[in-house]
């Protein structure tokens, strides 16, 4: 990826303001830690710290899959969302979380089809 090192070094530039904003919105400190793991990958290839597997908080694991599913759905509907999550299971995403989304995708993503 062109400019990958700049992206890696900029991760803290995203995480720190996110923590500050969340603190101002009243989130407790236990949940602020979750923001540090949003760019980590299940297999340890993420950033900023290379955390892997169970080191990544459960909330962050769920958020990662949810974000990808919503983006995939916006780009190509339910099938695209499922394929995107399935293809990243075990690499970017925790397999258990990815599998849960895939198994219940129609129900979980149904609100995205609502025009309102």
PDB file of N, CA and C in Angstrom:
ATOM      1  N   UNK A   1       0.844  -1.169   0.000  1.00  0.00           N
ATOM      2  CA  UNK A   1       0.000   0.000   0.000  1.00  0.00           C
ATOM      3  C   UNK A   1       0.893   1.237   0.000  1.00  0.00           C
ATOM      4  N   UNK A   2       0.685   2.092  -0.953  1.00  0.00           N
ATOM      5  CA  UNK A   2       1.489   3.312  -1.059  1.00  0.00           C
ATOM      6  C   UNK A   2       1.227   4.180   0.163  1.00  0.00           C
ATOM      7  N   UNK A   3       2.297   4.633   0.779  1.00  0.00           N
ATOM      8  CA  UNK A   3       2.143   5.507   1.941  1.00  0.00           C
ATOM      9  C   UNK A   3       1.723   4.769   3.193  1.00  0.00           C
ATOM     10  N   UNK A   4       1.898   3.465   3.218  1.00  0.00           N
ATOM     11  CA  UNK A   4       1.465   2.659   4.357  1.00  0.00           C
ATOM     12  C   UNK A   4       2.079   3.090   5.675  1.00  0.00           C
ATOM     13  N   UNK A   5       3.336   3.439   5.660  1.00  0.00           N
ATOM     14  CA  UNK A   5       3.999   3.870   6.899  1.00  0.00           C
ATOM     15  C   UNK A   5       3.369   5.139   7.450  1.00  0.00           C
ATOM     16  N   UNK A   6       2.993   6.055   6.566  1.00  0.00           N
ATOM     17  CA  UNK A   6       2.319   7.276   7.024  1.00  0.00           C
ATOM     18  C   UNK A   6       0.988   6.927   7.684  1.00  0.00           C
ATOM     19  N   UNK A   7       0.287   5.958   7.113  1.00  0.00           N
ATOM     20  CA  UNK A   7      -0.977   5.524   7.681  1.00  0.00           C
ATOM     21  C   UNK A   7      -0.760   4.923   9.064  1.00  0.00           C
ATOM     22  N   UNK A   8       0.257   4.096   9.194  1.00  0.00           N
ATOM     23  CA  UNK A   8       0.554   3.486  10.487  1.00  0.00           C
ATOM     24  C   UNK A   8       0.893   4.536  11.534  1.00  0.00           C
ATOM     25  N   UNK A   9       1.741   5.468  11.165  1.00  0.00           N
ATOM     26  CA  UNK A   9       2.137   6.483  12.139  1.00  0.00           C
ATOM     27  C   UNK A   9       0.991   7.416  12.466  1.00  0.00           C
ATOM     28  N   UNK A  10       0.015   7.533  11.583  1.00  0.00           N
ATOM     29  CA  UNK A  10      -1.130   8.400  11.823  1.00  0.00           C
ATOM     30  C   UNK A  10      -2.228   7.770  12.648  1.00  0.00           C
ATOM     31  N   UNK A  11      -2.103   6.473  12.943  1.00  0.00           N
ATOM     32  CA  UNK A  11      -3.159   5.786  13.694  1.00  0.00           C
ATOM     33  C   UNK A  11      -3.379   6.421  15.054  1.00  0.00           C
ATOM     34  N   UNK A  12      -2.306   6.788  15.726  1.00  0.00           N
ATOM     35  CA  UNK A  12      -2.473   7.426  17.024  1.00  0.00           C
ATOM     36  C   UNK A  12      -3.099   8.801  16.880  1.00  0.00           C
ATOM     37  N   UNK A  13      -2.921   9.427  15.719  1.00  0.00           N
ATOM     38  CA  UNK A  13      -3.555  10.721  15.472  1.00  0.00           C
ATOM     39  C   UNK A  13      -5.071  10.584  15.373  1.00  0.00           C
ATOM     40  N   UNK A  14      -5.549   9.396  15.060  1.00  0.00           N
ATOM     41  CA  UNK A  14      -6.981   9.130  15.001  1.00  0.00           C
ATOM     42  C   UNK A  14      -7.479   8.644  16.357  1.00  0.00           C
ATOM     43  N   UNK A  15      -6.762   7.722  16.960  1.00  0.00           N
ATOM     44  CA  UNK A  15      -7.213   7.103  18.212  1.00  0.00           C
ATOM     45  C   UNK A  15      -7.270   8.101  19.367  1.00  0.00           C
ATOM     46  N   UNK A  16      -6.266   8.933  19.495  1.00  0.00           N
ATOM     47  CA  UNK A  16      -6.235   9.876  20.612  1.00  0.00           C
ATOM     48  C   UNK A  16      -7.391  10.872  20.570  1.00  0.00           C
ATOM     49  N   UNK A  17      -7.644  11.539  19.434  1.00  0.00           N
ATOM     50  CA  UNK A  17      -8.799  12.444  19.407  1.00  0.00           C
ATOM     51  C   UNK A  17     -10.123  11.700  19.592  1.00  0.00           C
ATOM     52  N   UNK A  18     -10.205  10.472  19.102  1.00  0.00           N
ATOM     53  CA  UNK A  18     -11.428   9.689  19.294  1.00  0.00           C
ATOM     54  C   UNK A  18     -11.675   9.446  20.775  1.00  0.00           C
ATOM     55  N   UNK A  19     -10.618   9.113  21.514  1.00  0.00           N
ATOM     56  CA  UNK A  19     -10.745   8.925  22.972  1.00  0.00           C
ATOM     57  C   UNK A  19     -11.157  10.226  23.650  1.00  0.00           C
ATOM     58  N   UNK A  20     -10.567  11.339  23.222  1.00  0.00           N
ATOM     59  CA  UNK A  20     -10.888  12.635  23.828  1.00  0.00           C
ATOM     60  C   UNK A  20     -12.351  13.004  23.573  1.00  0.00           C
ATOM     61  N   UNK A  21     -12.811  12.796  22.337  1.00  0.00           N
ATOM     62  CA  UNK A  21     -14.197  13.095  22.008  1.00  0.00           C
ATOM     63  C   UNK A  21     -15.152  12.192  22.789  1.00  0.00           C
ATOM     64  N   UNK A  22     -14.828  10.922  22.856  1.00  0.00           N
ATOM     65  CA  UNK A  22     -15.671   9.986  23.599  1.00  0.00           C
ATOM     66  C   UNK A  22     -15.732  10.356  25.082  1.00  0.00           C
ATOM     67  N   UNK A  23     -14.605  10.787  25.643  1.00  0.00           N
ATOM     68  CA  UNK A  23     -14.594  11.205  27.051  1.00  0.00           C
ATOM     69  C   UNK A  23     -15.497  12.422  27.251  1.00  0.00           C
ATOM     70  N   UNK A  24     -15.449  13.355  26.319  1.00  0.00           N
ATOM     71  CA  UNK A  24     -16.314  14.541  26.408  1.00  0.00           C
ATOM     72  C   UNK A  24     -17.790  14.184  26.280  1.00  0.00           C
ATOM     73  N   UNK A  25     -18.068  13.095  25.569  1.00  0.00           N
ATOM     74  CA  UNK A  25     -19.458  12.635  25.406  1.00  0.00           C
ATOM     75  C   UNK A  25     -19.923  11.793  26.586  1.00  0.00           C
ATOM     76  N   UNK A  26     -19.028  11.560  27.533  1.00  0.00           N
ATOM     77  CA  UNK A  26     -19.421  10.863  28.749  1.00  0.00           C
ATOM     78  C   UNK A  26     -19.135   9.377  28.793  1.00  0.00           C
ATOM     79  N   UNK A  27     -18.425   8.836  27.827  1.00  0.00           N
ATOM     80  CA  UNK A  27     -18.087   7.413  27.871  1.00  0.00           C
ATOM     81  C   UNK A  27     -17.120   7.155  29.013  1.00  0.00           C
ATOM     82  N   UNK A  28     -17.284   6.011  29.663  1.00  0.00           N
ATOM     83  CA  UNK A  28     -16.376   5.714  30.777  1.00  0.00           C
ATOM     84  C   UNK A  28     -15.037   5.200  30.244  1.00  0.00           C
ATOM     85  N   UNK A  29     -14.026   5.266  31.079  1.00  0.00           N
ATOM     86  CA  UNK A  29     -12.663   4.937  30.654  1.00  0.00           C
ATOM     87  C   UNK A  29     -12.519   3.482  30.222  1.00  0.00           C
ATOM     88  N   UNK A  30     -13.305   2.580  30.769  1.00  0.00           N
ATOM     89  CA  UNK A  30     -13.221   1.173  30.368  1.00  0.00           C
ATOM     90  C   UNK A  30     -13.562   1.014  28.887  1.00  0.00           C
ATOM     91  N   UNK A  31     -14.494   1.813  28.404  1.00  0.00           N
ATOM     92  CA  UNK A  31     -14.892   1.704  27.008  1.00  0.00           C
ATOM     93  C   UNK A  31     -14.008   2.526  26.071  1.00  0.00           C
ATOM     94  N   UNK A  32     -13.343   3.501  26.594  1.00  0.00           N
ATOM     95  CA  UNK A  32     -12.450   4.306  25.767  1.00  0.00           C
ATOM     96  C   UNK A  32     -11.301   3.455  25.222  1.00  0.00           C
ATOM     97  N   UNK A  33     -10.885   2.455  25.981  1.00  0.00           N
ATOM     98  CA  UNK A  33      -9.795   1.565  25.563  1.00  0.00           C
ATOM     99  C   UNK A  33     -10.147   0.827  24.275  1.00  0.00           C
ATOM    100  N   UNK A  34     -11.427   0.555  24.056  1.00  0.00           N
ATOM    101  CA  UNK A  34     -11.854  -0.162  22.855  1.00  0.00           C
ATOM    102  C   UNK A  34     -11.435   0.562  21.581  1.00  0.00           C
ATOM    103  N   UNK A  35     -11.391   1.880  21.627  1.00  0.00           N
ATOM    104  CA  UNK A  35     -11.038   2.660  20.448  1.00  0.00           C
ATOM    105  C   UNK A  35      -9.617   2.388  19.975  1.00  0.00           C
ATOM    106  N   UNK A  36      -8.755   1.967  20.887  1.00  0.00           N
ATOM    107  CA  UNK A  36      -7.366   1.682  20.527  1.00  0.00           C
ATOM    108  C   UNK A  36      -7.229   0.459  19.633  1.00  0.00           C
ATOM    109  N   UNK A  37      -8.269  -0.358  19.549  1.00  0.00           N
ATOM    110  CA  UNK A  37      -8.167  -1.634  18.841  1.00  0.00           C
ATOM    111  C   UNK A  37      -8.911  -1.669  17.506  1.00  0.00           C
ATOM    112  N   UNK A  38      -9.519  -0.573  17.094  1.00  0.00           N
ATOM    113  CA  UNK A  38     -10.336  -0.607  15.881  1.00  0.00           C
ATOM    114  C   UNK A  38      -9.544  -0.903  14.611  1.00  0.00           C
ATOM    115  N   UNK A  39      -8.258  -0.588  14.590  1.00  0.00           N
ATOM    116  CA  UNK A  39      -7.440  -0.849  13.402  1.00  0.00           C
ATOM    117  C   UNK A  39      -6.561  -2.085  13.545  1.00  0.00           C
ATOM    118  N   UNK A  40      -6.748  -2.826  14.614  1.00  0.00           N
ATOM    119  CA  UNK A  40      -6.001  -4.066  14.800  1.00  0.00           C
ATOM    120  C   UNK A  40      -6.682  -5.194  14.022  1.00  0.00           C
ATOM    121  N   UNK A  41      -5.931  -6.207  13.665  1.00  0.00           N
ATOM    122  CA  UNK A  41      -6.464  -7.364  12.956  1.00  0.00           C
ATOM    123  C   UNK A  41      -6.362  -8.605  13.832  1.00  0.00           C
ATOM    124  N   UNK A  42      -7.313  -9.485  13.685  1.00  0.00           N
ATOM    125  CA  UNK A  42      -7.359 -10.731  14.452  1.00  0.00           C
ATOM    126  C   UNK A  42      -6.034 -11.486  14.356  1.00  0.00           C
ATOM    127  N   UNK A  43      -5.397 -11.465  13.189  1.00  0.00           N
ATOM    128  CA  UNK A  43      -4.154 -12.220  12.992  1.00  0.00           C
ATOM    129  C   UNK A  43      -2.902 -11.440  13.391  1.00  0.00           C
ATOM    130  N   UNK A  44      -3.067 -10.250  13.945  1.00  0.00           N
ATOM    131  CA  UNK A  44      -1.920  -9.484  14.442  1.00  0.00           C
ATOM    132  C   UNK A  44      -1.263  -8.581  13.424  1.00  0.00           C
ATOM    133  N   UNK A  45      -1.828  -8.455  12.233  1.00  0.00           N
ATOM    134  CA  UNK A  45      -1.208  -7.635  11.191  1.00  0.00           C
ATOM    135  C   UNK A  45      -1.721  -6.198  11.166  1.00  0.00           C
ATOM    136  N   UNK A  46      -2.526  -5.829  12.137  1.00  0.00           N
ATOM    137  CA  UNK A  46      -3.076  -4.476  12.173  1.00  0.00           C
ATOM    138  C   UNK A  46      -2.143  -3.485  12.842  1.00  0.00           C
ATOM    139  N   UNK A  47      -2.706  -2.361  13.227  1.00  0.00           N
ATOM    140  CA  UNK A  47      -1.918  -1.308  13.872  1.00  0.00           C
ATOM    141  C   UNK A  47      -2.806  -0.564  14.847  1.00  0.00           C
ATOM    142  N   UNK A  48      -2.292   0.137  15.781  1.00  0.00           N
ATOM    143  CA  UNK A  48      -0.916   0.603  15.909  1.00  0.00           C
ATOM    144  C   UNK A  48       0.015  -0.336  16.669  1.00  0.00           C
ATOM    145  N   UNK A  49      -0.516  -1.312  17.413  1.00  0.00           N
ATOM    146  CA  UNK A  49       0.361  -2.129  18.254  1.00  0.00           C
ATOM    147  C   UNK A  49       0.568  -3.555  17.771  1.00  0.00           C
ATOM    148  N   UNK A  50      -0.206  -4.006  16.796  1.00  0.00           N
ATOM    149  CA  UNK A  50      -0.107  -5.391  16.347  1.00  0.00           C
ATOM    150  C   UNK A  50      -0.803  -6.368  17.277  1.00  0.00           C
ATOM    151  N   UNK A  51      -1.746  -5.864  18.063  1.00  0.00           N
ATOM    152  CA  UNK A  51      -2.515  -6.753  18.949  1.00  0.00           C
ATOM    153  C   UNK A  51      -3.210  -7.804  18.095  1.00  0.00           C
ATOM    154  N   UNK A  52      -3.411  -8.980  18.686  1.00  0.00           N
ATOM    155  CA  UNK A  52      -4.011 -10.087  17.934  1.00  0.00           C
ATOM    156  C   UNK A  52      -4.987 -10.859  18.805  1.00  0.00           C
ATOM    157  N   UNK A  53      -5.910 -11.527  18.148  1.00  0.00           N
ATOM    158  CA  UNK A  53      -6.816 -12.453  18.811  1.00  0.00           C
ATOM    159  C   UNK A  53      -7.515 -11.851  20.006  1.00  0.00           C
ATOM    160  N   UNK A  54      -7.435 -12.570  21.111  1.00  0.00           N
ATOM    161  CA  UNK A  54      -8.129 -12.182  22.338  1.00  0.00           C
ATOM    162  C   UNK A  54      -7.604 -10.892  22.961  1.00  0.00           C
ATOM    163  N   UNK A  55      -6.462 -10.396  22.486  1.00  0.00           N
ATOM    164  CA  UNK A  55      -5.962  -9.108  22.981  1.00  0.00           C
ATOM    165  C   UNK A  55      -6.874  -7.962  22.543  1.00  0.00           C
ATOM    166  N   UNK A  56      -7.573  -8.154  21.447  1.00  0.00           N
ATOM    167  CA  UNK A  56      -8.492  -7.146  20.926  1.00  0.00           C
ATOM    168  C   UNK A  56      -9.786  -7.245  21.725  1.00  0.00           C
ATOM    169  N   UNK A  57     -10.270  -6.141  22.224  1.00  0.00           N
ATOM    170  CA  UNK A  57     -11.470  -6.176  23.069  1.00  0.00           C
ATOM    171  C   UNK A  57     -12.669  -6.683  22.265  1.00  0.00           C
ATOM    172  N   UNK A  58     -13.595  -7.310  22.973  1.00  0.00           N
ATOM    173  CA  UNK A  58     -14.790  -7.855  22.331  1.00  0.00           C
ATOM    174  C   UNK A  58     -15.571  -6.747  21.626  1.00  0.00           C
ATOM    175  N   UNK A  59     -15.697  -5.610  22.276  1.00  0.00           N
ATOM    176  CA  UNK A  59     -16.427  -4.489  21.664  1.00  0.00           C
ATOM    177  C   UNK A  59     -15.779  -4.062  20.358  1.00  0.00           C
ATOM    178  N   UNK A  60     -14.465  -4.011  20.313  1.00  0.00           N
ATOM    179  CA  UNK A  60     -13.765  -3.624  19.089  1.00  0.00           C
ATOM    180  C   UNK A  60     -13.950  -4.684  18.009  1.00  0.00           C
ATOM    181  N   UNK A  61     -13.911  -5.959  18.391  1.00  0.00           N
ATOM    182  CA  UNK A  61     -14.119  -7.031  17.409  1.00  0.00           C
ATOM    183  C   UNK A  61     -15.492  -6.924  16.762  1.00  0.00           C
ATOM    184  N   UNK A  62     -16.493  -6.641  17.566  1.00  0.00           N
ATOM    185  CA  UNK A  62     -17.856  -6.507  17.050  1.00  0.00           C
ATOM    186  C   UNK A  62     -17.963  -5.271  16.165  1.00  0.00           C
ATOM    187  N   UNK A  63     -17.390  -4.163  16.607  1.00  0.00           N
ATOM    188  CA  UNK A  63     -17.441  -2.925  15.820  1.00  0.00           C
ATOM    189  C   UNK A  63     -16.756  -3.101  14.466  1.00  0.00           C
ATOM    190  N   UNK A  64     -15.628  -3.786  14.425  1.00  0.00           N
ATOM    191  CA  UNK A  64     -14.912  -3.999  13.169  1.00  0.00           C
ATOM    192  C   UNK A  64     -15.794  -4.713  12.147  1.00  0.00           C
ATOM    193  N   UNK A  65     -16.454  -5.778  12.587  1.00  0.00           N
ATOM    194  CA  UNK A  65     -17.312  -6.543  11.687  1.00  0.00           C
ATOM    195  C   UNK A  65     -18.533  -5.717  11.280  1.00  0.00           C
ATOM    196  N   UNK A  66     -19.107  -5.010  12.232  1.00  0.00           N
ATOM    197  CA  UNK A  66     -20.287  -4.193  11.932  1.00  0.00           C
ATOM    198  C   UNK A  66     -19.962  -3.097  10.922  1.00  0.00           C
ATOM    199  N   UNK A  67     -18.844  -2.440  11.090  1.00  0.00           N
ATOM    200  CA  UNK A  67     -18.441  -1.371  10.165  1.00  0.00           C
ATOM    201  C   UNK A  67     -18.287  -1.932   8.752  1.00  0.00           C
ATOM    202  N   UNK A  68     -17.580  -3.051   8.625  1.00  0.00           N
ATOM    203  CA  UNK A  68     -17.373  -3.648   7.308  1.00  0.00           C
ATOM    204  C   UNK A  68     -18.691  -4.102   6.688  1.00  0.00           C
ATOM    205  N   UNK A  69     -19.560  -4.680   7.500  1.00  0.00           N
ATOM    206  CA  UNK A  69     -20.842  -5.154   6.983  1.00  0.00           C
ATOM    207  C   UNK A  69     -21.690  -4.003   6.464  1.00  0.00           C
ATOM    208  N   UNK A  70     -21.714  -2.901   7.183  1.00  0.00           N
ATOM    209  CA  UNK A  70     -22.490  -1.743   6.743  1.00  0.00           C
ATOM    210  C   UNK A  70     -21.901  -1.170   5.449  1.00  0.00           C
ATOM    211  N   UNK A  71     -20.593  -1.043   5.393  1.00  0.00           N
ATOM    212  CA  UNK A  71     -19.960  -0.529   4.176  1.00  0.00           C
ATOM    213  C   UNK A  71     -20.207  -1.458   2.992  1.00  0.00           C
ATOM    214  N   UNK A  72     -20.066  -2.761   3.220  1.00  0.00           N
ATOM    215  CA  UNK A  72     -20.328  -3.723   2.159  1.00  0.00           C
ATOM    216  C   UNK A  72     -21.768  -3.662   1.688  1.00  0.00           C
ATOM    217  N   UNK A  73     -22.677  -3.521   2.626  1.00  0.00           N
ATOM    218  CA  UNK A  73     -24.095  -3.436   2.284  1.00  0.00           C
ATOM    219  C   UNK A  73     -24.384  -2.193   1.453  1.00  0.00           C
ATOM    220  N   UNK A  74     -23.805  -1.081   1.827  1.00  0.00           N
ATOM    221  CA  UNK A  74     -24.012   0.157   1.070  1.00  0.00           C
ATOM    222  C   UNK A  74     -23.475   0.036  -0.359  1.00  0.00           C
ATOM    223  N   UNK A  75     -22.392  -0.688  -0.513  1.00  0.00           N
ATOM    224  CA  UNK A  75     -21.776  -0.824  -1.833  1.00  0.00           C
ATOM    225  C   UNK A  75     -22.469  -1.853  -2.717  1.00  0.00           C
ATOM    226  N   UNK A  76     -22.991  -2.944  -2.120  1.00  0.00           N
ATOM    227  CA  UNK A  76     -23.527  -4.004  -2.981  1.00  0.00           C
ATOM    228  C   UNK A  76     -24.629  -4.836  -2.380  1.00  0.00           C
ATOM    229  N   UNK A  77     -25.208  -4.381  -1.292  1.00  0.00           N
ATOM    230  CA  UNK A  77     -26.319  -5.113  -0.693  1.00  0.00           C
ATOM    231  C   UNK A  77     -25.888  -6.226   0.246  1.00  0.00           C
ATOM    232  N   UNK A  78     -26.849  -7.036   0.607  1.00  0.00           N
ATOM    233  CA  UNK A  78     -26.643  -8.094   1.599  1.00  0.00           C
ATOM    234  C   UNK A  78     -25.552  -9.070   1.191  1.00  0.00           C
ATOM    235  N   UNK A  79     -25.584  -9.535  -0.039  1.00  0.00           N
ATOM    236  CA  UNK A  79     -24.587 -10.516  -0.485  1.00  0.00           C
ATOM    237  C   UNK A  79     -23.172  -9.948  -0.422  1.00  0.00           C
ATOM    238  N   UNK A  80     -23.014  -8.710  -0.796  1.00  0.00           N
ATOM    239  CA  UNK A  80     -21.688  -8.075  -0.745  1.00  0.00           C
ATOM    240  C   UNK A  80     -21.207  -7.946   0.696  1.00  0.00           C
ATOM    241  N   UNK A  81     -22.106  -7.593   1.588  1.00  0.00           N
ATOM    242  CA  UNK A  81     -21.742  -7.470   3.003  1.00  0.00           C
ATOM    243  C   UNK A  81     -21.284  -8.808   3.557  1.00  0.00           C
ATOM    244  N   UNK A  82     -22.042  -9.850   3.263  1.00  0.00           N
ATOM    245  CA  UNK A  82     -21.704 -11.190   3.748  1.00  0.00           C
ATOM    246  C   UNK A  82     -20.369 -11.645   3.177  1.00  0.00           C
ATOM    247  N   UNK A  83     -20.162 -11.448   1.896  1.00  0.00           N
ATOM    248  CA  UNK A  83     -18.913 -11.874   1.275  1.00  0.00           C
ATOM    249  C   UNK A  83     -17.713 -11.116   1.838  1.00  0.00           C
ATOM    250  N   UNK A  84     -17.863  -9.829   2.057  1.00  0.00           N
ATOM    251  CA  UNK A  84     -16.776  -9.027   2.619  1.00  0.00           C
ATOM    252  C   UNK A  84     -16.395  -9.544   4.003  1.00  0.00           C
ATOM    253  N   UNK A  85     -17.372  -9.760   4.852  1.00  0.00           N
ATOM    254  CA  UNK A  85     -17.091 -10.244   6.205  1.00  0.00           C
ATOM    255  C   UNK A  85     -16.520 -11.658   6.159  1.00  0.00           C
ATOM    256  N   UNK A  86     -17.105 -12.517   5.351  1.00  0.00           N
ATOM    257  CA  UNK A  86     -16.619 -13.898   5.242  1.00  0.00           C
ATOM    258  C   UNK A  86     -15.167 -13.933   4.762  1.00  0.00           C
ATOM    259  N   UNK A  87     -14.832 -13.096   3.800  1.00  0.00           N
ATOM    260  CA  UNK A  87     -13.484 -13.112   3.227  1.00  0.00           C
ATOM    261  C   UNK A  87     -12.420 -12.631   4.209  1.00  0.00           C
ATOM    262  N   UNK A  88     -12.816 -11.872   5.210  1.00  0.00           N
ATOM    263  CA  UNK A  88     -11.848 -11.340   6.183  1.00  0.00           C
ATOM    264  C   UNK A  88     -11.835 -12.105   7.502  1.00  0.00           C
ATOM    265  N   UNK A  89     -12.703 -13.099   7.618  1.00  0.00           N
ATOM    266  CA  UNK A  89     -12.757 -13.910   8.838  1.00  0.00           C
ATOM    267  C   UNK A  89     -11.434 -14.639   9.051  1.00  0.00           C
ATOM    268  N   UNK A  90     -10.902 -14.526  10.256  1.00  0.00           N
ATOM    269  CA  UNK A  90      -9.632 -15.169  10.578  1.00  0.00           C
ATOM    270  C   UNK A  90      -8.421 -14.332  10.227  1.00  0.00           C
ATOM    271  N   UNK A  91      -8.601 -13.330   9.418  1.00  0.00           N
ATOM    272  CA  UNK A  91      -7.506 -12.407   9.091  1.00  0.00           C
ATOM    273  C   UNK A  91      -7.761 -11.090   9.813  1.00  0.00           C
ATOM    274  N   UNK A  92      -8.665 -10.290   9.289  1.00  0.00           N
ATOM    275  CA  UNK A  92      -8.989  -9.022   9.934  1.00  0.00           C
ATOM    276  C   UNK A  92      -9.936  -9.215  11.105  1.00  0.00           C
ATOM    277  N   UNK A  93     -10.863 -10.150  10.969  1.00  0.00           N
ATOM    278  CA  UNK A  93     -11.954 -10.288  11.935  1.00  0.00           C
ATOM    279  C   UNK A  93     -11.881 -11.578  12.730  1.00  0.00           C
ATOM    280  N   UNK A  94     -12.360 -11.492  13.960  1.00  0.00           N
ATOM    281  CA  UNK A  94     -12.494 -12.682  14.801  1.00  0.00           C
ATOM    282  C   UNK A  94     -13.468 -13.645  14.131  1.00  0.00           C
ATOM    283  N   UNK A  95     -13.082 -14.895  13.940  1.00  0.00           N
ATOM    284  CA  UNK A  95     -13.959 -15.840  13.257  1.00  0.00           C
ATOM    285  C   UNK A  95     -15.339 -15.978  13.899  1.00  0.00           C
ATOM    286  N   UNK A  96     -15.419 -16.001  15.212  1.00  0.00           N
ATOM    287  CA  UNK A  96     -16.721 -16.161  15.873  1.00  0.00           C
ATOM    288  C   UNK A  96     -17.648 -14.985  15.586  1.00  0.00           C
ATOM    289  N   UNK A  97     -17.105 -13.782  15.579  1.00  0.00           N
ATOM    290  CA  UNK A  97     -17.923 -12.595  15.317  1.00  0.00           C
ATOM    291  C   UNK A  97     -18.329 -12.568  13.844  1.00  0.00           C
ATOM    292  N   UNK A  98     -17.382 -12.846  12.962  1.00  0.00           N
ATOM    293  CA  UNK A  98     -17.691 -12.871  11.529  1.00  0.00           C
ATOM    294  C   UNK A  98     -18.749 -13.932  11.231  1.00  0.00           C
ATOM    295  N   UNK A  99     -18.600 -15.120  11.816  1.00  0.00           N
ATOM    296  CA  UNK A  99     -19.577 -16.194  11.598  1.00  0.00           C
ATOM    297  C   UNK A  99     -20.965 -15.802  12.087  1.00  0.00           C
ATOM    298  N   UNK A 100     -21.033 -15.122  13.227  1.00  0.00           N
ATOM    299  CA  UNK A 100     -22.332 -14.684  13.757  1.00  0.00           C
ATOM    300  C   UNK A 100     -22.998 -13.701  12.801  1.00  0.00           C
ATOM    301  N   UNK A 101     -22.219 -12.789  12.244  1.00  0.00           N
ATOM    302  CA  UNK A 101     -22.792 -11.841  11.282  1.00  0.00           C
ATOM    303  C   UNK A 101     -23.277 -12.584  10.043  1.00  0.00           C
ATOM    304  N   UNK A 102     -22.451 -13.468   9.518  1.00  0.00           N
ATOM    305  CA  UNK A 102     -22.813 -14.204   8.302  1.00  0.00           C
ATOM    306  C   UNK A 102     -24.088 -15.013   8.518  1.00  0.00           C
ATOM    307  N   UNK A 103     -24.195 -15.691   9.654  1.00  0.00           N
ATOM    308  CA  UNK A 103     -25.364 -16.531   9.934  1.00  0.00           C
ATOM    309  C   UNK A 103     -26.645 -15.724  10.116  1.00  0.00           C
ATOM    310  N   UNK A 104     -26.525 -14.503  10.592  1.00  0.00           N
ATOM    311  CA  UNK A 104     -27.708 -13.690  10.903  1.00  0.00           C
ATOM    312  C   UNK A 104     -27.744 -12.390  10.102  1.00  0.00           C
ATOM    313  N   UNK A 105     -27.064 -12.376   8.971  1.00  0.00           N
ATOM    314  CA  UNK A 105     -26.909 -11.145   8.195  1.00  0.00           C
ATOM    315  C   UNK A 105     -28.238 -10.532   7.771  1.00  0.00           C
ATOM    316  N   UNK A 106     -29.145 -11.346   7.295  1.00  0.00           N
ATOM    317  CA  UNK A 106     -30.421 -10.798   6.809  1.00  0.00           C
ATOM    318  C   UNK A 106     -31.142 -10.048   7.919  1.00  0.00           C
ATOM    319  N   UNK A 107     -31.153 -10.627   9.101  1.00  0.00           N
ATOM    320  CA  UNK A 107     -31.828  -9.991  10.237  1.00  0.00           C
ATOM    321  C   UNK A 107     -31.061  -8.761  10.731  1.00  0.00           C
ATOM    322  N   UNK A 108     -29.757  -8.904  10.886  1.00  0.00           N
ATOM    323  CA  UNK A 108     -28.953  -7.813  11.445  1.00  0.00           C
ATOM    324  C   UNK A 108     -28.860  -6.604  10.518  1.00  0.00           C
ATOM    325  N   UNK A 109     -28.850  -6.855   9.218  1.00  0.00           N
ATOM    326  CA  UNK A 109     -28.666  -5.761   8.269  1.00  0.00           C
ATOM    327  C   UNK A 109     -29.974  -5.256   7.671  1.00  0.00           C
ATOM    328  N   UNK A 110     -31.080  -5.864   8.027  1.00  0.00           N
ATOM    329  CA  UNK A 110     -32.390  -5.458   7.504  1.00  0.00           C
ATOM    330  C   UNK A 110     -32.678  -3.973   7.704  1.00  0.00           C
ATOM    331  N   UNK A 111     -32.325  -3.376   8.850  1.00  0.00           N
ATOM    332  CA  UNK A 111     -32.619  -1.939   9.016  1.00  0.00           C
ATOM    333  C   UNK A 111     -31.937  -1.067   7.955  1.00  0.00           C
ATOM    334  N   UNK A 112     -30.880  -1.557   7.340  1.00  0.00           N
ATOM    335  CA  UNK A 112     -30.193  -0.768   6.309  1.00  0.00           C
ATOM    336  C   UNK A 112     -31.004  -0.656   5.027  1.00  0.00           C
ATOM    337  N   UNK A 113     -31.984  -1.552   4.865  1.00  0.00           N
ATOM    338  CA  UNK A 113     -32.845  -1.511   3.676  1.00  0.00           C
ATOM    339  C   UNK A 113     -33.991  -0.530   3.829  1.00  0.00           C
ATOM    340  N   UNK A 114     -34.229  -0.064   5.043  1.00  0.00           N
ATOM    341  CA  UNK A 114     -35.312   0.866   5.321  1.00  0.00           C
ATOM    342  C   UNK A 114     -34.929   2.243   4.807  1.00  0.00           C
ATOM    343  N   UNK A 115     -35.730   2.789   3.931  1.00  0.00           N
ATOM    344  CA  UNK A 115     -35.454   4.097   3.330  1.00  0.00           C
ATOM    345  C   UNK A 115     -35.342   5.195   4.374  1.00  0.00           C
ATOM    346  N   UNK A 116     -36.050   5.075   5.478  1.00  0.00           N
ATOM    347  CA  UNK A 116     -36.022   6.107   6.510  1.00  0.00           C
ATOM    348  C   UNK A 116     -34.767   5.986   7.329  1.00  0.00           C
TER     349      UNK A 116
END
